[in-house]
Amino acid sequence: MLFARAILAGEPIRVFNGGQMRRDFTYI
């Protein structure tokens, strides 16, 4: 949600650890 709202508003998104993170994203 943080990323989507920022992208839609043209604002920067905070990407931690240089983006070198891996997550097991699981759909609701």
mmCIF file of all heavy atoms, coordinates in Angstrom:
data_MODEL
# 
_entry.id   MODEL 
# 
loop_
_atom_site.group_PDB 
_atom_site.id 
_atom_site.type_symbol 
_atom_site.label_atom_id 
_atom_site.label_alt_id 
_atom_site.label_comp_id 
_atom_site.label_asym_id 
_atom_site.label_entity_id 
_atom_site.label_seq_id 
_atom_site.pdbx_PDB_ins_code 
_atom_site.Cartn_x 
_atom_site.Cartn_y 
_atom_site.Cartn_z 
_atom_site.occupancy 
_atom_site.B_iso_or_equiv 
_atom_site.pdbx_formal_charge 
_atom_site.auth_seq_id 
_atom_site.auth_comp_id 
_atom_site.auth_asym_id 
_atom_site.auth_atom_id 
_atom_site.pdbx_PDB_model_num 
ATOM 1   N N   . MET A 1 1  ? 0.823  -1.203  0.000  1.00 0.00 ? 1  MET A N   1 
ATOM 2   C CA  . MET A 1 1  ? 0.000  0.000   0.000  1.00 0.00 ? 1  MET A CA  1 
ATOM 3   C C   . MET A 1 1  ? 0.862  1.261   0.000  1.00 0.00 ? 1  MET A C   1 
ATOM 4   O O   . MET A 1 1  ? 0.565  2.230   -0.717 1.00 0.00 ? 1  MET A O   1 
ATOM 5   C CB  . MET A 1 1  ? -0.930 0.006   1.200  1.00 0.00 ? 1  MET A CB  1 
ATOM 6   C CG  . MET A 1 1  ? -1.912 1.172   1.197  1.00 0.00 ? 1  MET A CG  1 
ATOM 7   S SD  . MET A 1 1  ? -3.323 0.872   0.142  1.00 0.00 ? 1  MET A SD  1 
ATOM 8   C CE  . MET A 1 1  ? -4.366 -0.020  1.297  1.00 0.00 ? 1  MET A CE  1 
ATOM 9   N N   . LEU A 1 2  ? 1.922  1.277   0.798  1.00 0.00 ? 2  LEU A N   1 
ATOM 10  C CA  . LEU A 1 2  ? 2.807  2.433   0.830  1.00 0.00 ? 2  LEU A CA  1 
ATOM 11  C C   . LEU A 1 2  ? 3.398  2.695   -0.550 1.00 0.00 ? 2  LEU A C   1 
ATOM 12  O O   . LEU A 1 2  ? 3.433  3.851   -1.022 1.00 0.00 ? 2  LEU A O   1 
ATOM 13  C CB  . LEU A 1 2  ? 3.933  2.212   1.844  1.00 0.00 ? 2  LEU A CB  1 
ATOM 14  C CG  . LEU A 1 2  ? 3.534  2.197   3.320  1.00 0.00 ? 2  LEU A CG  1 
ATOM 15  C CD1 . LEU A 1 2  ? 4.709  1.738   4.175  1.00 0.00 ? 2  LEU A CD1 1 
ATOM 16  C CD2 . LEU A 1 2  ? 3.067  3.580   3.773  1.00 0.00 ? 2  LEU A CD2 1 
ATOM 17  N N   . PHE A 1 3  ? 3.859  1.644   -1.208 1.00 0.00 ? 3  PHE A N   1 
ATOM 18  C CA  . PHE A 1 3  ? 4.450  1.792   -2.532 1.00 0.00 ? 3  PHE A CA  1 
ATOM 19  C C   . PHE A 1 3  ? 3.411  2.265   -3.545 1.00 0.00 ? 3  PHE A C   1 
ATOM 20  O O   . PHE A 1 3  ? 3.664  3.186   -4.323 1.00 0.00 ? 3  PHE A O   1 
ATOM 21  C CB  . PHE A 1 3  ? 5.040  0.459   -3.001 1.00 0.00 ? 3  PHE A CB  1 
ATOM 22  C CG  . PHE A 1 3  ? 6.305  0.052   -2.299 1.00 0.00 ? 3  PHE A CG  1 
ATOM 23  C CD1 . PHE A 1 3  ? 6.859  -1.209  -2.519 1.00 0.00 ? 3  PHE A CD1 1 
ATOM 24  C CD2 . PHE A 1 3  ? 6.956  0.898   -1.419 1.00 0.00 ? 3  PHE A CD2 1 
ATOM 25  C CE1 . PHE A 1 3  ? 8.021  -1.601  -1.883 1.00 0.00 ? 3  PHE A CE1 1 
ATOM 26  C CE2 . PHE A 1 3  ? 8.127  0.522   -0.772 1.00 0.00 ? 3  PHE A CE2 1 
ATOM 27  C CZ  . PHE A 1 3  ? 8.657  -0.732  -1.007 1.00 0.00 ? 3  PHE A CZ  1 
ATOM 28  N N   . ALA A 1 4  ? 2.243  1.618   -3.551 1.00 0.00 ? 4  ALA A N   1 
ATOM 29  C CA  . ALA A 1 4  ? 1.224  1.952   -4.549 1.00 0.00 ? 4  ALA A CA  1 
ATOM 30  C C   . ALA A 1 4  ? 0.771  3.398   -4.423 1.00 0.00 ? 4  ALA A C   1 
ATOM 31  O O   . ALA A 1 4  ? 0.657  4.123   -5.421 1.00 0.00 ? 4  ALA A O   1 
ATOM 32  C CB  . ALA A 1 4  ? 0.032  1.000   -4.416 1.00 0.00 ? 4  ALA A CB  1 
ATOM 33  N N   . ARG A 1 5  ? 0.521  3.834   -3.209 1.00 0.00 ? 5  ARG A N   1 
ATOM 34  C CA  . ARG A 1 5  ? 0.048  5.202   -3.015 1.00 0.00 ? 5  ARG A CA  1 
ATOM 35  C C   . ARG A 1 5  ? 1.106  6.220   -3.430 1.00 0.00 ? 5  ARG A C   1 
ATOM 36  O O   . ARG A 1 5  ? 0.794  7.253   -4.032 1.00 0.00 ? 5  ARG A O   1 
ATOM 37  C CB  . ARG A 1 5  ? -0.373 5.406   -1.564 1.00 0.00 ? 5  ARG A CB  1 
ATOM 38  C CG  . ARG A 1 5  ? -1.600 4.595   -1.175 1.00 0.00 ? 5  ARG A CG  1 
ATOM 39  C CD  . ARG A 1 5  ? -2.049 4.849   0.242  1.00 0.00 ? 5  ARG A CD  1 
ATOM 40  N NE  . ARG A 1 5  ? -2.522 6.207   0.444  1.00 0.00 ? 5  ARG A NE  1 
ATOM 41  C CZ  . ARG A 1 5  ? -3.069 6.646   1.560  1.00 0.00 ? 5  ARG A CZ  1 
ATOM 42  N NH1 . ARG A 1 5  ? -3.206 5.820   2.590  1.00 0.00 ? 5  ARG A NH1 1 
ATOM 43  N NH2 . ARG A 1 5  ? -3.486 7.884   1.673  1.00 0.00 ? 5  ARG A NH2 1 
ATOM 44  N N   . ALA A 1 6  ? 2.363  5.921   -3.112 1.00 0.00 ? 6  ALA A N   1 
ATOM 45  C CA  . ALA A 1 6  ? 3.444  6.838   -3.497 1.00 0.00 ? 6  ALA A CA  1 
ATOM 46  C C   . ALA A 1 6  ? 3.625  6.877   -5.011 1.00 0.00 ? 6  ALA A C   1 
ATOM 47  O O   . ALA A 1 6  ? 3.787  7.955   -5.599 1.00 0.00 ? 6  ALA A O   1 
ATOM 48  C CB  . ALA A 1 6  ? 4.738  6.419   -2.815 1.00 0.00 ? 6  ALA A CB  1 
ATOM 49  N N   . ILE A 1 7  ? 3.586  5.712   -5.640 1.00 0.00 ? 7  ILE A N   1 
ATOM 50  C CA  . ILE A 1 7  ? 3.745  5.660   -7.102 1.00 0.00 ? 7  ILE A CA  1 
ATOM 51  C C   . ILE A 1 7  ? 2.630  6.442   -7.786 1.00 0.00 ? 7  ILE A C   1 
ATOM 52  O O   . ILE A 1 7  ? 2.867  7.231   -8.719 1.00 0.00 ? 7  ILE A O   1 
ATOM 53  C CB  . ILE A 1 7  ? 3.772  4.198   -7.584 1.00 0.00 ? 7  ILE A CB  1 
ATOM 54  C CG1 . ILE A 1 7  ? 5.052  3.506   -7.112 1.00 0.00 ? 7  ILE A CG1 1 
ATOM 55  C CG2 . ILE A 1 7  ? 3.660  4.113   -9.101 1.00 0.00 ? 7  ILE A CG2 1 
ATOM 56  C CD1 . ILE A 1 7  ? 5.073  1.998   -7.326 1.00 0.00 ? 7  ILE A CD1 1 
ATOM 57  N N   . LEU A 1 8  ? 1.405  6.251   -7.338 1.00 0.00 ? 8  LEU A N   1 
ATOM 58  C CA  . LEU A 1 8  ? 0.269  6.954   -7.943 1.00 0.00 ? 8  LEU A CA  1 
ATOM 59  C C   . LEU A 1 8  ? 0.354  8.459   -7.726 1.00 0.00 ? 8  LEU A C   1 
ATOM 60  O O   . LEU A 1 8  ? -0.130 9.247   -8.552 1.00 0.00 ? 8  LEU A O   1 
ATOM 61  C CB  . LEU A 1 8  ? -1.044 6.412   -7.373 1.00 0.00 ? 8  LEU A CB  1 
ATOM 62  C CG  . LEU A 1 8  ? -1.405 4.979   -7.789 1.00 0.00 ? 8  LEU A CG  1 
ATOM 63  C CD1 . LEU A 1 8  ? -2.602 4.475   -6.985 1.00 0.00 ? 8  LEU A CD1 1 
ATOM 64  C CD2 . LEU A 1 8  ? -1.694 4.909   -9.284 1.00 0.00 ? 8  LEU A CD2 1 
ATOM 65  N N   . ALA A 1 9  ? 0.974  8.870   -6.618 1.00 0.00 ? 9  ALA A N   1 
ATOM 66  C CA  . ALA A 1 9  ? 1.100  10.298  -6.316 1.00 0.00 ? 9  ALA A CA  1 
ATOM 67  C C   . ALA A 1 9  ? 2.377  10.905  -6.891 1.00 0.00 ? 9  ALA A C   1 
ATOM 68  O O   . ALA A 1 9  ? 2.617  12.115  -6.738 1.00 0.00 ? 9  ALA A O   1 
ATOM 69  C CB  . ALA A 1 9  ? 1.065  10.507  -4.802 1.00 0.00 ? 9  ALA A CB  1 
ATOM 70  N N   . GLY A 1 10 ? 3.208  10.068  -7.530 1.00 0.00 ? 10 GLY A N   1 
ATOM 71  C CA  . GLY A 1 10 ? 4.465  10.569  -8.072 1.00 0.00 ? 10 GLY A CA  1 
ATOM 72  C C   . GLY A 1 10 ? 5.497  10.877  -7.013 1.00 0.00 ? 10 GLY A C   1 
ATOM 73  O O   . GLY A 1 10 ? 6.433  11.662  -7.244 1.00 0.00 ? 10 GLY A O   1 
ATOM 74  N N   . GLU A 1 11 ? 5.365  10.269  -5.850 1.00 0.00 ? 11 GLU A N   1 
ATOM 75  C CA  . GLU A 1 11 ? 6.284  10.507  -4.746 1.00 0.00 ? 11 GLU A CA  1 
ATOM 76  C C   . GLU A 1 11 ? 7.286  9.358   -4.640 1.00 0.00 ? 11 GLU A C   1 
ATOM 77  O O   . GLU A 1 11 ? 7.006  8.238   -5.084 1.00 0.00 ? 11 GLU A O   1 
ATOM 78  C CB  . GLU A 1 11 ? 5.499  10.636  -3.436 1.00 0.00 ? 11 GLU A CB  1 
ATOM 79  C CG  . GLU A 1 11 ? 4.512  11.806  -3.439 1.00 0.00 ? 11 GLU A CG  1 
ATOM 80  C CD  . GLU A 1 11 ? 3.596  11.787  -2.222 1.00 0.00 ? 11 GLU A CD  1 
ATOM 81  O OE1 . GLU A 1 11 ? 3.643  10.774  -1.480 1.00 0.00 ? 11 GLU A OE1 1 
ATOM 82  O OE2 . GLU A 1 11 ? 2.833  12.746  -2.035 1.00 0.00 ? 11 GLU A OE2 1 
ATOM 83  N N   . PRO A 1 12 ? 8.456  9.591   -4.033 1.00 0.00 ? 12 PRO A N   1 
ATOM 84  C CA  . PRO A 1 12 ? 9.455  8.522   -3.914 1.00 0.00 ? 12 PRO A CA  1 
ATOM 85  C C   . PRO A 1 12 ? 9.020  7.438   -2.939 1.00 0.00 ? 12 PRO A C   1 
ATOM 86  O O   . PRO A 1 12 ? 8.280  7.705   -1.989 1.00 0.00 ? 12 PRO A O   1 
ATOM 87  C CB  . PRO A 1 12 ? 10.704 9.245   -3.404 1.00 0.00 ? 12 PRO A CB  1 
ATOM 88  C CG  . PRO A 1 12 ? 10.193 10.489  -2.756 1.00 0.00 ? 12 PRO A CG  1 
ATOM 89  C CD  . PRO A 1 12 ? 8.956  10.883  -3.514 1.00 0.00 ? 12 PRO A CD  1 
ATOM 90  N N   . ILE A 1 13 ? 9.453  6.221   -3.188 1.00 0.00 ? 13 ILE A N   1 
ATOM 91  C CA  . ILE A 1 13 ? 9.219  5.112   -2.264 1.00 0.00 ? 13 ILE A CA  1 
ATOM 92  C C   . ILE A 1 13 ? 10.533 4.788   -1.568 1.00 0.00 ? 13 ILE A C   1 
ATOM 93  O O   . ILE A 1 13 ? 11.611 4.898   -2.151 1.00 0.00 ? 13 ILE A O   1 
ATOM 94  C CB  . ILE A 1 13 ? 8.657  3.859   -2.980 1.00 0.00 ? 13 ILE A CB  1 
ATOM 95  C CG1 . ILE A 1 13 ? 9.659  3.318   -4.007 1.00 0.00 ? 13 ILE A CG1 1 
ATOM 96  C CG2 . ILE A 1 13 ? 7.330  4.170   -3.643 1.00 0.00 ? 13 ILE A CG2 1 
ATOM 97  C CD1 . ILE A 1 13 ? 9.236  1.995   -4.624 1.00 0.00 ? 13 ILE A CD1 1 
ATOM 98  N N   . ARG A 1 14 ? 10.437 4.411   -0.299 1.00 0.00 ? 14 ARG A N   1 
ATOM 99  C CA  . ARG A 1 14 ? 11.627 4.069   0.481  1.00 0.00 ? 14 ARG A CA  1 
ATOM 100 C C   . ARG A 1 14 ? 11.939 2.585   0.276  1.00 0.00 ? 14 ARG A C   1 
ATOM 101 O O   . ARG A 1 14 ? 11.112 1.721   0.591  1.00 0.00 ? 14 ARG A O   1 
ATOM 102 C CB  . ARG A 1 14 ? 11.381 4.369   1.955  1.00 0.00 ? 14 ARG A CB  1 
ATOM 103 C CG  . ARG A 1 14 ? 11.020 5.813   2.224  1.00 0.00 ? 14 ARG A CG  1 
ATOM 104 C CD  . ARG A 1 14 ? 10.596 6.000   3.683  1.00 0.00 ? 14 ARG A CD  1 
ATOM 105 N NE  . ARG A 1 14 ? 11.740 5.864   4.588  1.00 0.00 ? 14 ARG A NE  1 
ATOM 106 C CZ  . ARG A 1 14 ? 11.610 5.751   5.919  1.00 0.00 ? 14 ARG A CZ  1 
ATOM 107 N NH1 . ARG A 1 14 ? 10.411 5.703   6.476  1.00 0.00 ? 14 ARG A NH1 1 
ATOM 108 N NH2 . ARG A 1 14 ? 12.687 5.664   6.675  1.00 0.00 ? 14 ARG A NH2 1 
ATOM 109 N N   . VAL A 1 15 ? 13.121 2.318   -0.265 1.00 0.00 ? 15 VAL A N   1 
ATOM 110 C CA  . VAL A 1 15 ? 13.541 0.947   -0.553 1.00 0.00 ? 15 VAL A CA  1 
ATOM 111 C C   . VAL A 1 15 ? 14.716 0.620   0.363  1.00 0.00 ? 15 VAL A C   1 
ATOM 112 O O   . VAL A 1 15 ? 15.813 1.155   0.208  1.00 0.00 ? 15 VAL A O   1 
ATOM 113 C CB  . VAL A 1 15 ? 13.944 0.793   -2.030 1.00 0.00 ? 15 VAL A CB  1 
ATOM 114 C CG1 . VAL A 1 15 ? 14.314 -0.662  -2.325 1.00 0.00 ? 15 VAL A CG1 1 
ATOM 115 C CG2 . VAL A 1 15 ? 12.812 1.257   -2.942 1.00 0.00 ? 15 VAL A CG2 1 
ATOM 116 N N   . PHE A 1 16 ? 14.484 -0.266  1.316  1.00 0.00 ? 16 PHE A N   1 
ATOM 117 C CA  . PHE A 1 16 ? 15.486 -0.548  2.335  1.00 0.00 ? 16 PHE A CA  1 
ATOM 118 C C   . PHE A 1 16 ? 16.490 -1.600  1.869  1.00 0.00 ? 16 PHE A C   1 
ATOM 119 O O   . PHE A 1 16 ? 16.182 -2.456  1.032  1.00 0.00 ? 16 PHE A O   1 
ATOM 120 C CB  . PHE A 1 16 ? 14.808 -0.992  3.632  1.00 0.00 ? 16 PHE A CB  1 
ATOM 121 C CG  . PHE A 1 16 ? 13.933 0.070   4.242  1.00 0.00 ? 16 PHE A CG  1 
ATOM 122 C CD1 . PHE A 1 16 ? 12.548 -0.038  4.216  1.00 0.00 ? 16 PHE A CD1 1 
ATOM 123 C CD2 . PHE A 1 16 ? 14.496 1.210   4.806  1.00 0.00 ? 16 PHE A CD2 1 
ATOM 124 C CE1 . PHE A 1 16 ? 11.743 0.950   4.770  1.00 0.00 ? 16 PHE A CE1 1 
ATOM 125 C CE2 . PHE A 1 16 ? 13.706 2.204   5.357  1.00 0.00 ? 16 PHE A CE2 1 
ATOM 126 C CZ  . PHE A 1 16 ? 12.321 2.074   5.335  1.00 0.00 ? 16 PHE A CZ  1 
ATOM 127 N N   . ASN A 1 17 ? 17.684 -1.509  2.433  1.00 0.00 ? 17 ASN A N   1 
ATOM 128 C CA  . ASN A 1 17 ? 18.764 -2.457  2.162  1.00 0.00 ? 17 ASN A CA  1 
ATOM 129 C C   . ASN A 1 17 ? 19.090 -2.533  0.670  1.00 0.00 ? 17 ASN A C   1 
ATOM 130 O O   . ASN A 1 17 ? 19.413 -3.603  0.142  1.00 0.00 ? 17 ASN A O   1 
ATOM 131 C CB  . ASN A 1 17 ? 18.409 -3.840  2.700  1.00 0.00 ? 17 ASN A CB  1 
ATOM 132 C CG  . ASN A 1 17 ? 19.625 -4.746  2.838  1.00 0.00 ? 17 ASN A CG  1 
ATOM 133 O OD1 . ASN A 1 17 ? 20.705 -4.283  3.193  1.00 0.00 ? 17 ASN A OD1 1 
ATOM 134 N ND2 . ASN A 1 17 ? 19.448 -6.025  2.550  1.00 0.00 ? 17 ASN A ND2 1 
ATOM 135 N N   . GLY A 1 18 ? 18.955 -1.413  -0.022 1.00 0.00 ? 18 GLY A N   1 
ATOM 136 C CA  . GLY A 1 18 ? 19.252 -1.382  -1.444 1.00 0.00 ? 18 GLY A CA  1 
ATOM 137 C C   . GLY A 1 18 ? 18.346 -2.255  -2.280 1.00 0.00 ? 18 GLY A C   1 
ATOM 138 O O   . GLY A 1 18 ? 18.666 -2.604  -3.415 1.00 0.00 ? 18 GLY A O   1 
ATOM 139 N N   . GLY A 1 19 ? 17.193 -2.612  -1.720 1.00 0.00 ? 19 GLY A N   1 
ATOM 140 C CA  . GLY A 1 19 ? 16.274 -3.497  -2.428 1.00 0.00 ? 19 GLY A CA  1 
ATOM 141 C C   . GLY A 1 19 ? 16.665 -4.963  -2.343 1.00 0.00 ? 19 GLY A C   1 
ATOM 142 O O   . GLY A 1 19 ? 15.990 -5.828  -2.911 1.00 0.00 ? 19 GLY A O   1 
ATOM 143 N N   . GLN A 1 20 ? 17.751 -5.262  -1.622 1.00 0.00 ? 20 GLN A N   1 
ATOM 144 C CA  . GLN A 1 20 ? 18.239 -6.642  -1.524 1.00 0.00 ? 20 GLN A CA  1 
ATOM 145 C C   . GLN A 1 20 ? 17.539 -7.382  -0.386 1.00 0.00 ? 20 GLN A C   1 
ATOM 146 O O   . GLN A 1 20 ? 18.162 -7.931  0.520  1.00 0.00 ? 20 GLN A O   1 
ATOM 147 C CB  . GLN A 1 20 ? 19.753 -6.650  -1.330 1.00 0.00 ? 20 GLN A CB  1 
ATOM 148 C CG  . GLN A 1 20 ? 20.517 -5.913  -2.402 1.00 0.00 ? 20 GLN A CG  1 
ATOM 149 C CD  . GLN A 1 20 ? 20.223 -6.446  -3.794 1.00 0.00 ? 20 GLN A CD  1 
ATOM 150 O OE1 . GLN A 1 20 ? 20.395 -7.638  -4.063 1.00 0.00 ? 20 GLN A OE1 1 
ATOM 151 N NE2 . GLN A 1 20 ? 19.780 -5.575  -4.679 1.00 0.00 ? 20 GLN A NE2 1 
ATOM 152 N N   . MET A 1 21 ? 16.232 -7.374  -0.446 1.00 0.00 ? 21 MET A N   1 
ATOM 153 C CA  . MET A 1 21 ? 15.398 -8.101  0.512  1.00 0.00 ? 21 MET A CA  1 
ATOM 154 C C   . MET A 1 21 ? 14.536 -9.076  -0.293 1.00 0.00 ? 21 MET A C   1 
ATOM 155 O O   . MET A 1 21 ? 14.137 -8.782  -1.423 1.00 0.00 ? 21 MET A O   1 
ATOM 156 C CB  . MET A 1 21 ? 14.486 -7.128  1.271  1.00 0.00 ? 21 MET A CB  1 
ATOM 157 C CG  . MET A 1 21 ? 15.166 -5.881  1.775  1.00 0.00 ? 21 MET A CG  1 
ATOM 158 S SD  . MET A 1 21 ? 15.771 -6.056  3.434  1.00 0.00 ? 21 MET A SD  1 
ATOM 159 C CE  . MET A 1 21 ? 14.292 -5.753  4.358  1.00 0.00 ? 21 MET A CE  1 
ATOM 160 N N   . ARG A 1 22 ? 14.244 -10.203 0.301  1.00 0.00 ? 22 ARG A N   1 
ATOM 161 C CA  . ARG A 1 22 ? 13.359 -11.181 -0.342 1.00 0.00 ? 22 ARG A CA  1 
ATOM 162 C C   . ARG A 1 22 ? 12.219 -11.495 0.617  1.00 0.00 ? 22 ARG A C   1 
ATOM 163 O O   . ARG A 1 22 ? 12.451 -11.753 1.797  1.00 0.00 ? 22 ARG A O   1 
ATOM 164 C CB  . ARG A 1 22 ? 14.113 -12.455 -0.712 1.00 0.00 ? 22 ARG A CB  1 
ATOM 165 C CG  . ARG A 1 22 ? 15.181 -12.238 -1.779 1.00 0.00 ? 22 ARG A CG  1 
ATOM 166 C CD  . ARG A 1 22 ? 15.963 -13.514 -2.063 1.00 0.00 ? 22 ARG A CD  1 
ATOM 167 N NE  . ARG A 1 22 ? 15.132 -14.528 -2.696 1.00 0.00 ? 22 ARG A NE  1 
ATOM 168 C CZ  . ARG A 1 22 ? 14.886 -14.586 -3.995 1.00 0.00 ? 22 ARG A CZ  1 
ATOM 169 N NH1 . ARG A 1 22 ? 15.379 -13.671 -4.811 1.00 0.00 ? 22 ARG A NH1 1 
ATOM 170 N NH2 . ARG A 1 22 ? 14.136 -15.552 -4.494 1.00 0.00 ? 22 ARG A NH2 1 
ATOM 171 N N   . ARG A 1 23 ? 11.010 -11.458 0.077  1.00 0.00 ? 23 ARG A N   1 
ATOM 172 C CA  . ARG A 1 23 ? 9.836  -11.737 0.892  1.00 0.00 ? 23 ARG A CA  1 
ATOM 173 C C   . ARG A 1 23 ? 8.938  -12.757 0.200  1.00 0.00 ? 23 ARG A C   1 
ATOM 174 O O   . ARG A 1 23 ? 8.808  -12.771 -1.024 1.00 0.00 ? 23 ARG A O   1 
ATOM 175 C CB  . ARG A 1 23 ? 9.026  -10.447 1.144  1.00 0.00 ? 23 ARG A CB  1 
ATOM 176 C CG  . ARG A 1 23 ? 9.697  -9.446  2.083  1.00 0.00 ? 23 ARG A CG  1 
ATOM 177 C CD  . ARG A 1 23 ? 9.720  -9.964  3.496  1.00 0.00 ? 23 ARG A CD  1 
ATOM 178 N NE  . ARG A 1 23 ? 10.321 -9.006  4.428  1.00 0.00 ? 23 ARG A NE  1 
ATOM 179 C CZ  . ARG A 1 23 ? 11.617 -8.965  4.708  1.00 0.00 ? 23 ARG A CZ  1 
ATOM 180 N NH1 . ARG A 1 23 ? 12.460 -9.816  4.123  1.00 0.00 ? 23 ARG A NH1 1 
ATOM 181 N NH2 . ARG A 1 23 ? 12.085 -8.077  5.573  1.00 0.00 ? 23 ARG A NH2 1 
ATOM 182 N N   . ASP A 1 24 ? 8.295  -13.559 1.031  1.00 0.00 ? 24 ASP A N   1 
ATOM 183 C CA  . ASP A 1 24 ? 7.350  -14.561 0.534  1.00 0.00 ? 24 ASP A CA  1 
ATOM 184 C C   . ASP A 1 24 ? 5.965  -13.922 0.527  1.00 0.00 ? 24 ASP A C   1 
ATOM 185 O O   . ASP A 1 24 ? 5.137  -14.171 1.409  1.00 0.00 ? 24 ASP A O   1 
ATOM 186 C CB  . ASP A 1 24 ? 7.397  -15.783 1.449  1.00 0.00 ? 24 ASP A CB  1 
ATOM 187 C CG  . ASP A 1 24 ? 6.938  -17.041 0.733  1.00 0.00 ? 24 ASP A CG  1 
ATOM 188 O OD1 . ASP A 1 24 ? 6.251  -16.915 -0.295 1.00 0.00 ? 24 ASP A OD1 1 
ATOM 189 O OD2 . ASP A 1 24 ? 7.266  -18.141 1.200  1.00 0.00 ? 24 ASP A OD2 1 
ATOM 190 N N   . PHE A 1 25 ? 5.705  -13.059 -0.455 1.00 0.00 ? 25 PHE A N   1 
ATOM 191 C CA  . PHE A 1 25 ? 4.445  -12.334 -0.544 1.00 0.00 ? 25 PHE A CA  1 
ATOM 192 C C   . PHE A 1 25 ? 3.296  -13.317 -0.785 1.00 0.00 ? 25 PHE A C   1 
ATOM 193 O O   . PHE A 1 25 ? 3.331  -14.116 -1.724 1.00 0.00 ? 25 PHE A O   1 
ATOM 194 C CB  . PHE A 1 25 ? 4.491  -11.311 -1.677 1.00 0.00 ? 25 PHE A CB  1 
ATOM 195 C CG  . PHE A 1 25 ? 5.444  -10.178 -1.427 1.00 0.00 ? 25 PHE A CG  1 
ATOM 196 C CD1 . PHE A 1 25 ? 6.711  -10.179 -1.991 1.00 0.00 ? 25 PHE A CD1 1 
ATOM 197 C CD2 . PHE A 1 25 ? 5.073  -9.106  -0.630 1.00 0.00 ? 25 PHE A CD2 1 
ATOM 198 C CE1 . PHE A 1 25 ? 7.593  -9.131  -1.765 1.00 0.00 ? 25 PHE A CE1 1 
ATOM 199 C CE2 . PHE A 1 25 ? 5.953  -8.054  -0.398 1.00 0.00 ? 25 PHE A CE2 1 
ATOM 200 C CZ  . PHE A 1 25 ? 7.216  -8.064  -0.965 1.00 0.00 ? 25 PHE A CZ  1 
ATOM 201 N N   . THR A 1 26 ? 2.257  -13.234 0.057  1.00 0.00 ? 26 THR A N   1 
ATOM 202 C CA  . THR A 1 26 ? 1.154  -14.194 0.027  1.00 0.00 ? 26 THR A CA  1 
ATOM 203 C C   . THR A 1 26 ? -0.165 -13.468 -0.150 1.00 0.00 ? 26 THR A C   1 
ATOM 204 O O   . THR A 1 26 ? -0.508 -12.570 0.632  1.00 0.00 ? 26 THR A O   1 
ATOM 205 C CB  . THR A 1 26 ? 1.125  -15.029 1.319  1.00 0.00 ? 26 THR A CB  1 
ATOM 206 O OG1 . THR A 1 26 ? 2.444  -15.525 1.587  1.00 0.00 ? 26 THR A OG1 1 
ATOM 207 C CG2 . THR A 1 26 ? 0.158  -16.189 1.193  1.00 0.00 ? 26 THR A CG2 1 
ATOM 208 N N   . TYR A 1 27 ? -0.915 -13.846 -1.167 1.00 0.00 ? 27 TYR A N   1 
ATOM 209 C CA  . TYR A 1 27 ? -2.158 -13.154 -1.503 1.00 0.00 ? 27 TYR A CA  1 
ATOM 210 C C   . TYR A 1 27 ? -3.245 -13.463 -0.474 1.00 0.00 ? 27 TYR A C   1 
ATOM 211 O O   . TYR A 1 27 ? -3.341 -14.586 0.028  1.00 0.00 ? 27 TYR A O   1 
ATOM 212 C CB  . TYR A 1 27 ? -2.623 -13.561 -2.901 1.00 0.00 ? 27 TYR A CB  1 
ATOM 213 C CG  . TYR A 1 27 ? -3.765 -12.725 -3.425 1.00 0.00 ? 27 TYR A CG  1 
ATOM 214 C CD1 . TYR A 1 27 ? -3.610 -11.357 -3.650 1.00 0.00 ? 27 TYR A CD1 1 
ATOM 215 C CD2 . TYR A 1 27 ? -5.006 -13.301 -3.686 1.00 0.00 ? 27 TYR A CD2 1 
ATOM 216 C CE1 . TYR A 1 27 ? -4.655 -10.585 -4.131 1.00 0.00 ? 27 TYR A CE1 1 
ATOM 217 C CE2 . TYR A 1 27 ? -6.048 -12.536 -4.175 1.00 0.00 ? 27 TYR A CE2 1 
ATOM 218 C CZ  . TYR A 1 27 ? -5.867 -11.175 -4.387 1.00 0.00 ? 27 TYR A CZ  1 
ATOM 219 O OH  . TYR A 1 27 ? -6.914 -10.405 -4.858 1.00 0.00 ? 27 TYR A OH  1 
ATOM 220 N N   . ILE A 1 28 ? -4.056 -12.478 -0.172 1.00 0.00 ? 28 ILE A N   1 
ATOM 221 C CA  . ILE A 1 28 ? -5.045 -12.571 0.904  1.00 0.00 ? 28 ILE A CA  1 
ATOM 222 C C   . ILE A 1 28 ? -5.987 -13.764 0.746  1.00 0.00 ? 28 ILE A C   1 
ATOM 223 O O   . ILE A 1 28 ? -6.317 -14.425 1.731  1.00 0.00 ? 28 ILE A O   1 
ATOM 224 C CB  . ILE A 1 28 ? -5.853 -11.252 1.031  1.00 0.00 ? 28 ILE A CB  1 
ATOM 225 C CG1 . ILE A 1 28 ? -6.842 -11.311 2.186  1.00 0.00 ? 28 ILE A CG1 1 
ATOM 226 C CG2 . ILE A 1 28 ? -6.508 -10.887 -0.280 1.00 0.00 ? 28 ILE A CG2 1 
ATOM 227 C CD1 . ILE A 1 28 ? -6.234 -11.494 3.546  1.00 0.00 ? 28 ILE A CD1 1 
# 
